[in-house]
Amino acid sequence: MAYLLHELIEDQVNANPDAPALLFKDEHIDYARLKHAITGFANGLMEADIAPGERVAVYLPKQPEAVYGMFGAAAAGATFVPVNPVLKSKQVRHILTHCEARVLLTSTHRLPLLRNVLQHCPVLHTVVLVDGPADESATTGLQKTFIDYARFSASHTAREHHRRIDTDMAAIFYTSGSTGNAKGVVLSHRNLRVGAHSVAEYLGNTASDRLLAVLPLSFDAGFSQLTTAFSVGACVALMDYLIARDVLRALSHYGITGMAAVPPLWQQMQDLDWPAEVRSTLRYITNTGGALPPATTRKLQAALPSTSIYLMYGLTEAFRSTYLPPELAATRPDSIGKAVPSARIHVINASGRECAVDEPGELVHRGPLVSMGYWRDPEKTAERFKPWPGQPAGIPLREIAVWSGDQVRRDADGYLYFISRSDAMIKTSGYRVSPTEVEDAVTESGLVQQCIALGLPHAGLGQAILLVASPSPGVNDITTLSQQITQHCQRELPNFMVPRAVVVLESLPSNQNGKVDRRALSETYTDFFKVPPE
């Protein structure tokens, strides 16, 4: 039985080594080949003198080498850090320096973006490139070892991999909060392994399943497509898409039986003409990254009458928390369901007691899915990860639970309903965006004196970002300021962080403490992105 993350694959090699594990374009990779590639990368890390727990960052789109790198790091006894491939230099620099990555797996065409980043990563010593050796002009003066992937993963002198146990850290997933840069959520082998089995249990996954991976592997839910499949010997098709119709074609081409996506993608797909072969093959779909609007759920049910729809809720700090059984999607479309296997979910009021029926309270998650906290951030960890108050007083070591910051209620039948977040974090297109990170990027432009990034209701994105700003004293022409700010954001931020619109005011309102009144602005512009009825 697997106790460590990479042992999920070893179990499948022992059971059925020729079974398909990964599909990529027209390439089929079986479990035996997957294990061989993972071992090769792990051996390369040992040759590079990686120490136990040291960080290996992976900055690639969804391709086999990304999978080899992440699982290879775990096999070597290191810690993998998946970096979203759409992030730009500032965000990548923060992650690489914050986690103190020692090795980076990436590609040559990303080196121009990374050049300035790598200059600020003194502990990063090795850069592995999946598409051949780097041009000398791209690496001059960087004082790093650049090596092509094939050579790095070639046969090495056998060195024993570092011994780890299931409570050792395996990964750091970066996720944005309501303030500052992205936080690194530390996950153990146990977190990831139990999470894989928990999801596979309620989704009913088997070795006959084929899952389509459209979510970034830097998302816990995206990475889960791999672990869930590997836990039962199923197969994953890796795909980066441009438009919703690309996804539909992939569902047909690969004979996909299960797929997870964020609400905006489901909303783009709900009105498409679904091919008969997809409707007969697609066993289930799931949502992540925000609530699926009931209208979208109904349209998907009509388009896919034989497909089960799982409505889910989760947070990176504890992976998956709840799910709604498909048979209840029609009668409880606004519910986030009940606890997933291996989790206990409580609703706690301000007095620290369990809430009564329909009483709003904070969702608190207990169990083996609770992560190890935020990397190098004890203060934020203490805010979110707290002792569970319901534990018997006679137990000296207190159990730590995740306090989600989300307000929910529980009905008389035990089903949970999301109410709101207690912080200002923005959730757009399935991404969690820190308003402070957007505001800092805009302020650095020198164009504004003050600015506030708001997450406002949007039919297609869940929330869209509206930037409200006052001009810098040196800006004379404010007629083009909105356009200038947008262009600056497009240069400095990934697309999902770029404000959907910019409003310029002479000055921003202040509250009684002299701070910009974010709440007043949010109330003023709450309907900004709402489309008027026809």
Protein backbone atom coordinates (compact mmCIF):
# COMPACT_ATOMS: atom_id res chain seq x y z
CA MET A 1 0.00 0.00 0.00
CA ALA A 2 1.27 3.49 -0.87
CA TYR A 3 2.33 5.70 2.04
CA LEU A 4 4.32 8.22 0.02
CA LEU A 5 3.06 10.16 -2.97
CA HIS A 6 5.22 8.53 -5.64
CA GLU A 7 4.35 5.08 -4.31
CA LEU A 8 0.88 5.50 -5.83
CA ILE A 9 2.60 4.91 -9.18
CA GLU A 10 4.75 2.07 -7.91
CA ASP A 11 1.60 0.25 -6.79
CA GLN A 12 0.18 0.50 -10.31
CA VAL A 13 3.44 -0.70 -11.88
CA ASN A 14 3.26 -3.78 -9.68
CA ALA A 15 -0.39 -4.36 -10.63
CA ASN A 16 -0.49 -3.47 -14.34
CA PRO A 17 2.69 -1.88 -15.75
CA ASP A 18 1.36 -1.67 -19.32
CA ALA A 19 -1.79 0.26 -18.40
CA PRO A 20 -1.91 3.81 -19.80
CA ALA A 21 -1.06 6.50 -17.23
CA LEU A 22 -0.68 9.69 -19.31
CA LEU A 23 -1.96 10.85 -22.68
CA PHE A 24 -0.32 13.87 -24.27
CA LYS A 25 -1.29 14.84 -27.80
CA ASP A 26 -0.85 11.49 -29.61
CA GLU A 27 1.60 10.06 -27.07
CA HIS A 28 0.60 7.22 -24.75
CA ILE A 29 2.72 6.72 -21.60
CA ASP A 30 2.14 3.58 -19.57
CA TYR A 31 2.79 3.20 -15.84
CA ALA A 32 6.11 1.40 -16.34
CA ARG A 33 7.44 4.23 -18.51
CA LEU A 34 6.07 6.82 -16.09
CA LYS A 35 7.93 5.24 -13.18
CA HIS A 36 11.13 4.99 -15.24
CA ALA A 37 10.96 8.71 -16.10
CA ILE A 38 10.24 9.68 -12.49
CA THR A 39 13.17 7.61 -11.26
CA GLY A 40 15.45 9.18 -13.87
CA PHE A 41 14.59 12.71 -12.71
CA ALA A 42 14.94 11.68 -9.06
CA ASN A 43 18.40 10.26 -9.81
CA GLY A 44 19.34 13.52 -11.51
CA LEU A 45 18.35 15.43 -8.37
CA MET A 46 20.51 13.15 -6.25
CA GLU A 47 23.45 13.79 -8.59
CA ALA A 48 22.76 17.51 -8.12
CA ASP A 49 23.13 16.95 -4.35
CA ILE A 50 19.55 17.81 -3.47
CA ALA A 51 19.05 17.52 0.28
CA PRO A 52 15.94 16.11 2.01
CA GLY A 53 13.03 18.52 1.74
CA GLU A 54 14.83 21.04 -0.49
CA ARG A 55 12.58 22.68 -3.06
CA VAL A 56 12.37 21.81 -6.76
CA ALA A 57 10.29 24.30 -8.74
CA VAL A 58 8.46 23.27 -11.93
CA TYR A 59 7.57 26.12 -14.29
CA LEU A 60 6.05 24.40 -17.31
CA PRO A 61 2.69 23.97 -19.03
CA LYS A 62 0.90 20.63 -18.78
CA GLN A 63 3.32 18.19 -20.40
CA PRO A 64 4.80 14.85 -19.31
CA GLU A 65 8.07 16.39 -18.07
CA ALA A 66 6.13 18.49 -15.58
CA VAL A 67 4.65 15.29 -14.11
CA TYR A 68 8.03 13.57 -14.10
CA GLY A 69 9.58 16.54 -12.32
CA MET A 70 7.00 16.83 -9.56
CA PHE A 71 6.78 13.14 -8.77
CA GLY A 72 10.54 12.74 -9.30
CA ALA A 73 11.20 15.39 -6.66
CA ALA A 74 8.93 13.54 -4.25
CA ALA A 75 10.69 10.24 -5.04
CA ALA A 76 14.11 11.77 -4.35
CA GLY A 77 12.89 13.03 -0.97
CA ALA A 78 12.77 16.68 -2.06
CA THR A 79 9.77 19.04 -2.13
CA PHE A 80 8.19 20.06 -5.43
CA VAL A 81 6.79 23.54 -6.05
CA PRO A 82 4.53 23.82 -9.13
CA VAL A 83 4.55 27.34 -10.60
CA ASN A 84 1.55 28.37 -12.69
CA PRO A 85 2.87 28.74 -16.27
CA VAL A 86 0.80 31.88 -16.89
CA LEU A 87 2.55 33.83 -14.12
CA LYS A 88 4.96 36.56 -15.14
CA SER A 89 8.38 37.52 -13.82
CA LYS A 90 7.34 39.34 -10.64
CA GLN A 91 5.13 36.50 -9.39
CA VAL A 92 7.64 33.81 -10.40
CA ARG A 93 10.44 35.68 -8.64
CA HIS A 94 8.39 35.84 -5.44
CA ILE A 95 7.72 32.10 -5.48
CA LEU A 96 11.28 31.02 -6.32
CA THR A 97 12.86 33.28 -3.72
CA HIS A 98 10.23 32.69 -1.04
CA CYS A 99 10.43 28.89 -1.22
CA GLU A 100 14.23 29.02 -1.69
CA ALA A 101 14.13 26.72 -4.68
CA ARG A 102 17.39 24.90 -5.38
CA VAL A 103 16.46 23.41 -8.75
CA LEU A 104 14.16 24.76 -11.47
CA LEU A 105 12.61 22.65 -14.23
CA THR A 106 11.54 24.86 -17.14
CA SER A 107 12.11 25.47 -20.87
CA THR A 108 14.48 27.52 -23.03
CA HIS A 109 11.76 29.79 -24.40
CA ARG A 110 10.98 30.93 -20.83
CA LEU A 111 14.57 32.01 -20.16
CA PRO A 112 14.14 35.61 -21.41
CA LEU A 113 11.36 36.11 -18.86
CA LEU A 114 13.40 34.33 -16.18
CA ARG A 115 16.70 36.10 -16.71
CA ASN A 116 15.99 38.92 -14.27
CA VAL A 117 14.29 36.48 -11.91
CA LEU A 118 17.26 34.13 -11.68
CA GLN A 119 19.59 37.00 -10.79
CA HIS A 120 17.66 37.30 -7.51
CA CYS A 121 17.71 33.57 -6.65
CA PRO A 122 21.11 33.01 -5.02
CA VAL A 123 20.35 29.54 -3.65
CA LEU A 124 19.00 28.22 -6.96
CA HIS A 125 21.95 26.40 -8.51
CA THR A 126 20.55 24.19 -11.31
CA VAL A 127 18.14 24.95 -14.17
CA VAL A 128 16.88 21.92 -16.11
CA LEU A 129 15.54 22.67 -19.60
CA VAL A 130 13.05 20.32 -21.26
CA ASP A 131 13.63 21.48 -24.83
CA GLY A 132 17.38 21.23 -25.29
CA PRO A 133 20.44 23.20 -24.20
CA ALA A 134 20.17 26.92 -23.60
CA ASP A 135 21.68 29.52 -25.90
CA GLU A 136 24.82 30.91 -24.27
CA SER A 137 23.61 34.49 -24.68
CA ALA A 138 20.55 33.71 -22.55
CA THR A 139 22.58 32.40 -19.61
CA THR A 140 25.72 34.53 -19.55
CA GLY A 141 26.45 35.98 -16.12
CA LEU A 142 23.72 34.06 -14.29
CA GLN A 143 26.11 31.74 -12.41
CA LYS A 144 23.77 28.75 -12.59
CA THR A 145 24.20 25.29 -14.03
CA PHE A 146 21.99 24.94 -17.12
CA ILE A 147 21.44 21.39 -18.30
CA ASP A 148 19.05 19.80 -20.79
CA TYR A 149 16.44 17.43 -19.39
CA ALA A 150 17.56 14.36 -21.33
CA ARG A 151 21.09 14.61 -19.99
CA PHE A 152 19.91 15.40 -16.46
CA SER A 153 17.59 12.38 -16.37
CA ALA A 154 19.96 9.99 -18.12
CA SER A 155 21.41 6.99 -16.37
CA HIS A 156 23.32 8.03 -13.25
CA THR A 157 25.32 6.26 -10.64
CA ALA A 158 22.67 4.71 -8.43
CA ARG A 159 22.37 6.76 -5.25
CA GLU A 160 19.83 5.89 -2.62
CA HIS A 161 17.01 8.41 -2.48
CA HIS A 162 16.40 10.19 0.80
CA ARG A 163 14.15 8.23 3.13
CA ARG A 164 10.91 10.01 3.97
CA ILE A 165 7.78 9.23 5.98
CA ASP A 166 4.21 10.19 5.22
CA THR A 167 4.16 13.25 7.50
CA ASP A 168 7.19 14.80 5.76
CA MET A 169 6.45 17.65 3.39
CA ALA A 170 6.06 16.73 -0.27
CA ALA A 171 4.90 19.94 -1.96
CA ILE A 172 4.31 23.67 -1.60
CA PHE A 173 1.33 25.08 -3.52
CA TYR A 174 1.19 28.87 -3.77
CA THR A 175 -2.21 30.49 -3.35
CA SER A 176 -3.25 34.13 -3.02
CA GLY A 177 -4.93 35.52 0.06
CA SER A 178 -6.60 38.86 0.72
CA THR A 179 -3.34 40.73 1.30
CA GLY A 180 0.22 40.61 -0.01
CA ASN A 181 1.94 38.09 -2.20
CA ALA A 182 0.86 34.51 -2.69
CA LYS A 183 1.29 32.21 0.32
CA GLY A 184 2.93 28.79 0.10
CA VAL A 185 0.69 26.02 1.46
CA VAL A 186 2.86 23.13 2.68
CA LEU A 187 1.43 19.67 1.94
CA SER A 188 2.70 16.37 3.29
CA HIS A 189 2.82 13.04 1.49
CA ARG A 190 -0.07 12.03 3.73
CA ASN A 191 -2.15 15.08 2.75
CA LEU A 192 -1.78 14.30 -0.96
CA ARG A 193 -2.21 10.55 -0.65
CA VAL A 194 -5.29 10.68 1.58
CA GLY A 195 -6.73 13.40 -0.65
CA ALA A 196 -6.33 11.19 -3.71
CA HIS A 197 -8.10 8.25 -2.09
CA SER A 198 -10.83 10.48 -0.63
CA VAL A 199 -11.75 12.00 -4.00
CA ALA A 200 -11.49 8.68 -5.84
CA GLU A 201 -13.85 7.16 -3.28
CA TYR A 202 -16.76 9.58 -3.71
CA LEU A 203 -16.25 9.93 -7.46
CA GLY A 204 -16.15 6.14 -7.81
CA ASN A 205 -12.96 6.19 -9.89
CA THR A 206 -11.61 2.94 -11.30
CA ALA A 207 -8.79 1.86 -13.59
CA SER A 208 -11.13 2.22 -16.57
CA ASP A 209 -11.45 6.00 -16.10
CA ARG A 210 -9.82 8.59 -18.36
CA LEU A 211 -9.59 12.06 -16.83
CA LEU A 212 -9.03 15.26 -18.77
CA ALA A 213 -6.60 17.64 -17.02
CA VAL A 214 -7.51 21.17 -18.11
CA LEU A 215 -6.78 22.89 -14.77
CA PRO A 216 -3.21 24.10 -14.07
CA LEU A 217 -1.14 21.54 -12.18
CA SER A 218 -0.21 24.38 -9.81
CA PHE A 219 -3.81 24.25 -8.52
CA ASP A 220 -4.47 21.65 -5.85
CA ALA A 221 -7.57 20.60 -7.83
CA GLY A 222 -5.53 20.40 -11.04
CA PHE A 223 -2.82 18.30 -9.45
CA SER A 224 -5.55 16.15 -7.94
CA GLN A 225 -6.47 14.92 -11.43
CA LEU A 226 -3.11 13.14 -11.43
CA THR A 227 -3.14 11.77 -7.90
CA THR A 228 -6.77 10.64 -8.06
CA ALA A 229 -6.12 8.76 -11.30
CA PHE A 230 -2.84 7.24 -10.13
CA SER A 231 -4.45 6.02 -6.90
CA VAL A 232 -6.72 3.65 -8.88
CA GLY A 233 -4.64 3.01 -12.01
CA ALA A 234 -6.65 5.33 -14.25
CA CYS A 235 -5.32 7.51 -17.06
CA VAL A 236 -4.95 11.31 -17.40
CA ALA A 237 -4.93 13.31 -20.64
CA LEU A 238 -2.86 16.50 -20.31
CA MET A 239 -4.23 19.50 -22.15
CA ASP A 240 -3.77 23.27 -22.40
CA TYR A 241 -6.73 24.76 -24.26
CA LEU A 242 -7.43 28.04 -26.02
CA ILE A 243 -11.20 27.91 -26.42
CA ALA A 244 -14.03 25.82 -25.00
CA ARG A 245 -14.49 23.93 -28.27
CA ASP A 246 -10.91 22.63 -27.92
CA VAL A 247 -11.99 20.96 -24.68
CA LEU A 248 -15.03 19.43 -26.35
CA ARG A 249 -12.84 17.98 -29.09
CA ALA A 250 -10.44 16.54 -26.49
CA LEU A 251 -13.31 14.90 -24.60
CA SER A 252 -14.25 13.11 -27.81
CA HIS A 253 -10.71 12.36 -29.01
CA TYR A 254 -9.54 10.73 -25.76
CA GLY A 255 -12.83 9.10 -24.71
CA ILE A 256 -12.81 11.02 -21.43
CA THR A 257 -14.93 9.72 -18.54
CA GLY A 258 -14.27 12.46 -15.96
CA MET A 259 -13.37 16.16 -15.98
CA ALA A 260 -12.97 18.99 -13.45
CA ALA A 261 -13.18 22.66 -14.43
CA VAL A 262 -13.78 26.14 -13.01
CA PRO A 263 -17.23 27.76 -13.40
CA PRO A 264 -16.22 30.13 -16.24
CA LEU A 265 -15.24 27.19 -18.45
CA TRP A 266 -18.46 25.32 -17.67
CA GLN A 267 -20.39 28.48 -18.53
CA GLN A 268 -18.61 28.66 -21.87
CA MET A 269 -19.38 25.00 -22.55
CA GLN A 270 -22.98 24.86 -21.33
CA ASP A 271 -24.51 25.97 -24.64
CA LEU A 272 -22.22 24.00 -26.97
CA ASP A 273 -23.44 21.15 -29.12
CA TRP A 274 -22.12 18.12 -27.23
CA PRO A 275 -21.26 15.17 -29.55
CA ALA A 276 -23.14 11.94 -28.96
CA GLU A 277 -19.93 10.03 -28.17
CA VAL A 278 -19.08 12.52 -25.41
CA ARG A 279 -22.57 12.32 -23.90
CA SER A 280 -22.31 8.55 -23.79
CA THR A 281 -18.74 8.38 -22.42
CA LEU A 282 -18.48 11.26 -19.93
CA ARG A 283 -19.38 9.64 -16.62
CA TYR A 284 -19.01 12.67 -14.36
CA ILE A 285 -17.97 16.33 -14.21
CA THR A 286 -16.98 18.44 -11.19
CA ASN A 287 -16.60 22.11 -10.38
CA THR A 288 -13.82 23.84 -8.45
CA GLY A 289 -12.64 27.40 -7.82
CA GLY A 290 -16.07 28.79 -6.92
CA ALA A 291 -19.75 27.97 -6.88
CA LEU A 292 -21.38 26.79 -10.09
CA PRO A 293 -24.45 28.95 -10.80
CA PRO A 294 -27.67 26.90 -10.58
CA ALA A 295 -28.61 28.00 -14.12
CA THR A 296 -25.35 26.53 -15.44
CA THR A 297 -25.93 23.32 -13.51
CA ARG A 298 -29.39 22.98 -15.08
CA LYS A 299 -28.06 23.56 -18.60
CA LEU A 300 -25.30 20.99 -18.12
CA GLN A 301 -27.80 18.48 -16.77
CA ALA A 302 -29.96 19.01 -19.87
CA ALA A 303 -26.98 18.68 -22.23
CA LEU A 304 -25.50 15.67 -20.39
CA PRO A 305 -28.43 13.61 -19.06
CA SER A 306 -26.26 10.54 -18.40
CA THR A 307 -23.43 12.45 -16.71
CA SER A 308 -23.20 12.90 -12.93
CA ILE A 309 -22.49 16.45 -11.76
CA TYR A 310 -20.54 16.80 -8.51
CA LEU A 311 -20.72 20.23 -6.85
CA MET A 312 -17.74 20.66 -4.55
CA TYR A 313 -16.11 23.05 -2.11
CA GLY A 314 -12.50 23.10 -1.07
CA LEU A 315 -9.58 25.27 -0.04
CA THR A 316 -5.89 24.73 -0.74
CA GLU A 317 -5.17 24.61 3.00
CA ALA A 318 -7.21 21.41 3.31
CA PHE A 319 -7.65 20.22 -0.29
CA ARG A 320 -11.32 19.14 -0.53
CA SER A 321 -13.84 19.75 2.23
CA THR A 322 -17.33 18.97 0.91
CA TYR A 323 -19.23 17.57 -2.05
CA LEU A 324 -22.87 17.29 -3.06
CA PRO A 325 -23.98 13.88 -4.36
CA PRO A 326 -25.10 14.18 -8.02
CA GLU A 327 -28.63 12.99 -7.31
CA LEU A 328 -29.14 16.14 -5.19
CA ALA A 329 -27.86 18.65 -7.75
CA ALA A 330 -31.38 19.29 -9.03
CA THR A 331 -32.99 19.73 -5.60
CA ARG A 332 -30.10 21.44 -3.75
CA PRO A 333 -28.18 23.26 -6.51
CA ASP A 334 -26.99 26.00 -4.15
CA SER A 335 -25.58 23.60 -1.52
CA ILE A 336 -21.90 22.67 -1.13
CA GLY A 337 -22.97 19.34 0.34
CA LYS A 338 -21.43 17.42 3.23
CA ALA A 339 -17.92 16.43 4.27
CA VAL A 340 -15.77 14.37 1.91
CA PRO A 341 -14.38 11.04 3.19
CA SER A 342 -11.57 11.52 5.74
CA ALA A 343 -12.80 14.99 6.77
CA ARG A 344 -14.97 16.45 9.53
CA ILE A 345 -16.60 19.81 8.84
CA HIS A 346 -17.94 22.05 11.61
CA VAL A 347 -19.75 25.41 11.60
CA ILE A 348 -18.44 27.50 14.50
CA ASN A 349 -19.85 30.78 15.81
CA ALA A 350 -17.97 33.75 17.31
CA SER A 351 -18.14 32.11 20.76
CA GLY A 352 -16.28 29.04 19.53
CA ARG A 353 -19.34 26.80 19.69
CA GLU A 354 -21.08 24.67 17.08
CA CYS A 355 -23.78 26.68 15.33
CA ALA A 356 -27.45 25.85 15.53
CA VAL A 357 -29.41 24.90 12.41
CA ASP A 358 -29.24 27.71 9.81
CA GLU A 359 -27.08 29.86 12.10
CA PRO A 360 -24.22 31.45 10.11
CA GLY A 361 -20.73 30.55 11.24
CA GLU A 362 -17.21 29.85 10.07
CA LEU A 363 -16.47 26.60 8.25
CA VAL A 364 -13.79 24.65 10.14
CA HIS A 365 -12.13 21.61 8.59
CA ARG A 366 -10.54 18.77 10.62
CA GLY A 367 -8.70 15.62 9.64
CA PRO A 368 -5.72 14.26 7.67
CA LEU A 369 -6.31 16.65 4.75
CA VAL A 370 -5.33 19.64 6.90
CA SER A 371 -2.03 20.93 5.51
CA MET A 372 1.15 21.80 7.39
CA GLY A 373 0.65 25.59 7.33
CA TYR A 374 2.12 28.41 5.26
CA TRP A 375 5.78 28.20 4.32
CA ARG A 376 7.94 30.68 6.28
CA ASP A 377 4.88 32.48 7.63
CA PRO A 378 4.12 31.57 11.26
CA GLU A 379 1.89 34.61 11.79
CA LYS A 380 -0.52 33.85 8.94
CA THR A 381 -0.38 30.17 9.86
CA ALA A 382 -1.46 30.98 13.40
CA GLU A 383 -4.39 33.01 12.05
CA ARG A 384 -5.76 30.19 9.90
CA PHE A 385 -4.55 26.99 11.61
CA LYS A 386 -5.85 26.82 15.18
CA PRO A 387 -6.44 24.18 17.87
CA TRP A 388 -9.75 22.40 17.63
CA PRO A 389 -11.82 23.48 20.68
CA GLY A 390 -13.94 20.33 20.81
CA GLN A 391 -11.09 17.98 21.70
CA PRO A 392 -11.23 16.28 25.14
CA ALA A 393 -9.22 18.25 27.70
CA GLY A 394 -7.24 15.17 28.71
CA ILE A 395 -5.36 15.04 25.41
CA PRO A 396 -2.17 17.12 25.91
CA LEU A 397 -1.32 17.73 22.22
CA ARG A 398 -4.06 19.79 20.64
CA GLU A 399 -5.45 18.86 17.23
CA ILE A 400 -4.98 21.60 14.63
CA ALA A 401 -7.89 22.44 12.29
CA VAL A 402 -8.20 24.86 9.36
CA TRP A 403 -10.42 27.86 10.00
CA SER A 404 -11.50 28.70 6.47
CA GLY A 405 -12.60 32.32 6.82
CA ASP A 406 -15.76 31.35 4.92
CA GLN A 407 -19.19 31.95 6.40
CA VAL A 408 -21.61 29.04 5.87
CA ARG A 409 -24.78 27.62 7.38
CA ARG A 410 -25.96 24.06 7.91
CA ASP A 411 -29.61 23.11 7.36
CA ALA A 412 -31.65 20.63 9.37
CA ASP A 413 -30.58 17.76 7.09
CA GLY A 414 -26.89 18.53 7.56
CA TYR A 415 -26.26 20.13 4.15
CA LEU A 416 -23.97 23.16 4.01
CA TYR A 417 -24.55 26.43 2.15
CA PHE A 418 -21.90 29.05 1.39
CA ILE A 419 -22.72 32.62 2.51
CA SER A 420 -19.63 34.78 2.08
CA ARG A 421 -15.91 35.24 2.73
CA SER A 422 -14.77 37.18 5.75
CA ASP A 423 -11.82 38.72 3.91
CA ALA A 424 -11.46 40.68 0.68
CA MET A 425 -9.87 37.98 -1.45
CA ILE A 426 -11.03 37.99 -5.06
CA LYS A 427 -12.03 34.76 -6.79
CA THR A 428 -12.04 35.22 -10.57
CA SER A 429 -12.01 32.59 -13.33
CA GLY A 430 -11.23 29.98 -10.70
CA TYR A 431 -8.16 31.88 -9.46
CA ARG A 432 -7.70 33.34 -6.00
CA VAL A 433 -6.32 36.87 -6.40
CA SER A 434 -4.93 39.12 -3.68
CA PRO A 435 -6.24 42.66 -4.21
CA THR A 436 -3.04 43.97 -2.62
CA GLU A 437 -0.93 42.27 -5.27
CA VAL A 438 -2.91 44.01 -8.04
CA GLU A 439 -2.81 47.33 -6.19
CA ASP A 440 0.95 47.10 -5.65
CA ALA A 441 1.54 46.44 -9.35
CA VAL A 442 -0.55 49.46 -10.33
CA THR A 443 1.08 51.73 -7.75
CA GLU A 444 4.53 50.85 -9.10
CA SER A 445 3.51 52.35 -12.45
CA GLY A 446 3.68 55.85 -10.97
CA LEU A 447 0.35 56.63 -12.63
CA VAL A 448 -1.83 56.61 -9.52
CA GLN A 449 -1.79 58.13 -6.07
CA GLN A 450 -4.20 55.60 -4.57
CA CYS A 451 -6.00 52.57 -5.92
CA ILE A 452 -8.28 49.79 -4.75
CA ALA A 453 -8.90 46.48 -6.52
CA LEU A 454 -12.43 45.14 -5.99
CA GLY A 455 -13.85 41.73 -6.78
CA LEU A 456 -17.38 42.32 -8.02
CA PRO A 457 -20.10 39.89 -9.17
CA HIS A 458 -19.73 38.87 -12.81
CA ALA A 459 -21.95 36.38 -14.65
CA GLY A 460 -19.11 34.72 -16.56
CA LEU A 461 -16.14 34.98 -14.18
CA GLY A 462 -17.72 34.60 -10.76
CA GLN A 463 -16.02 37.85 -9.82
CA ALA A 464 -14.33 40.39 -12.06
CA ILE A 465 -11.69 42.88 -10.96
CA LEU A 466 -12.57 46.58 -10.98
CA LEU A 467 -9.73 48.97 -10.22
CA VAL A 468 -10.76 52.32 -8.71
CA ALA A 469 -7.89 54.82 -8.75
CA SER A 470 -7.00 58.45 -8.21
CA PRO A 471 -4.35 59.96 -10.49
CA SER A 472 -0.82 60.72 -9.39
CA PRO A 473 -0.12 64.47 -9.01
CA GLY A 474 2.24 64.28 -11.97
CA VAL A 475 -0.41 62.96 -14.33
CA ASN A 476 -1.92 65.79 -16.34
CA ASP A 477 -4.01 63.92 -18.92
CA ILE A 478 -6.53 61.68 -17.13
CA THR A 479 -8.57 60.98 -20.27
CA THR A 480 -6.25 58.12 -21.22
CA LEU A 481 -5.29 57.09 -17.67
CA SER A 482 -7.58 54.05 -17.60
CA GLN A 483 -6.01 52.77 -20.80
CA GLN A 484 -2.48 53.42 -19.54
CA ILE A 485 -3.19 51.53 -16.29
CA THR A 486 -4.65 48.59 -18.20
CA GLN A 487 -1.63 48.44 -20.52
CA HIS A 488 0.72 48.52 -17.53
CA CYS A 489 -1.19 45.67 -15.88
CA GLN A 490 -1.07 43.62 -19.09
CA ARG A 491 2.71 43.94 -19.06
CA GLU A 492 3.20 43.20 -15.37
CA LEU A 493 0.42 40.79 -14.40
CA PRO A 494 -0.97 37.49 -15.69
CA ASN A 495 -4.23 37.86 -17.58
CA PHE A 496 -6.46 36.71 -14.73
CA MET A 497 -5.09 39.52 -12.50
CA VAL A 498 -5.58 42.31 -15.06
CA PRO A 499 -8.56 44.52 -14.04
CA ARG A 500 -11.58 44.07 -16.24
CA ALA A 501 -12.23 47.82 -15.98
CA VAL A 502 -10.65 50.93 -14.45
CA VAL A 503 -12.54 53.81 -12.87
CA VAL A 504 -10.63 57.06 -12.26
CA LEU A 505 -11.80 59.38 -9.45
CA GLU A 506 -10.31 62.67 -8.32
CA SER A 507 -9.85 61.15 -4.85
CA LEU A 508 -10.89 57.96 -3.06
CA PRO A 509 -13.22 58.02 -0.04
CA SER A 510 -11.72 57.51 3.43
CA ASN A 511 -13.15 55.87 6.53
CA GLN A 512 -12.94 57.21 10.09
CA ASN A 513 -9.43 55.84 10.46
CA GLY A 514 -8.21 57.75 7.41
CA LYS A 515 -7.86 54.61 5.32
CA VAL A 516 -9.41 54.18 1.89
CA ASP A 517 -12.95 52.96 2.47
CA ARG A 518 -12.89 49.70 0.54
CA ARG A 519 -16.34 48.71 1.78
CA ALA A 520 -17.94 51.97 0.58
CA LEU A 521 -16.37 51.58 -2.85
CA SER A 522 -17.50 47.97 -3.03
CA GLU A 523 -21.08 48.98 -2.19
CA THR A 524 -21.00 51.83 -4.71
CA TYR A 525 -19.83 49.66 -7.60
CA THR A 526 -21.38 46.32 -6.65
CA ASP A 527 -23.54 46.25 -9.81
CA PHE A 528 -20.81 47.52 -12.13
CA PHE A 529 -20.47 44.31 -14.14
CA LYS A 530 -24.12 43.30 -14.06
CA VAL A 531 -25.70 43.19 -17.49
CA PRO A 532 -29.02 45.08 -17.59
CA PRO A 533 -32.04 42.89 -18.46
CA GLU A 534 -33.07 42.87 -22.11
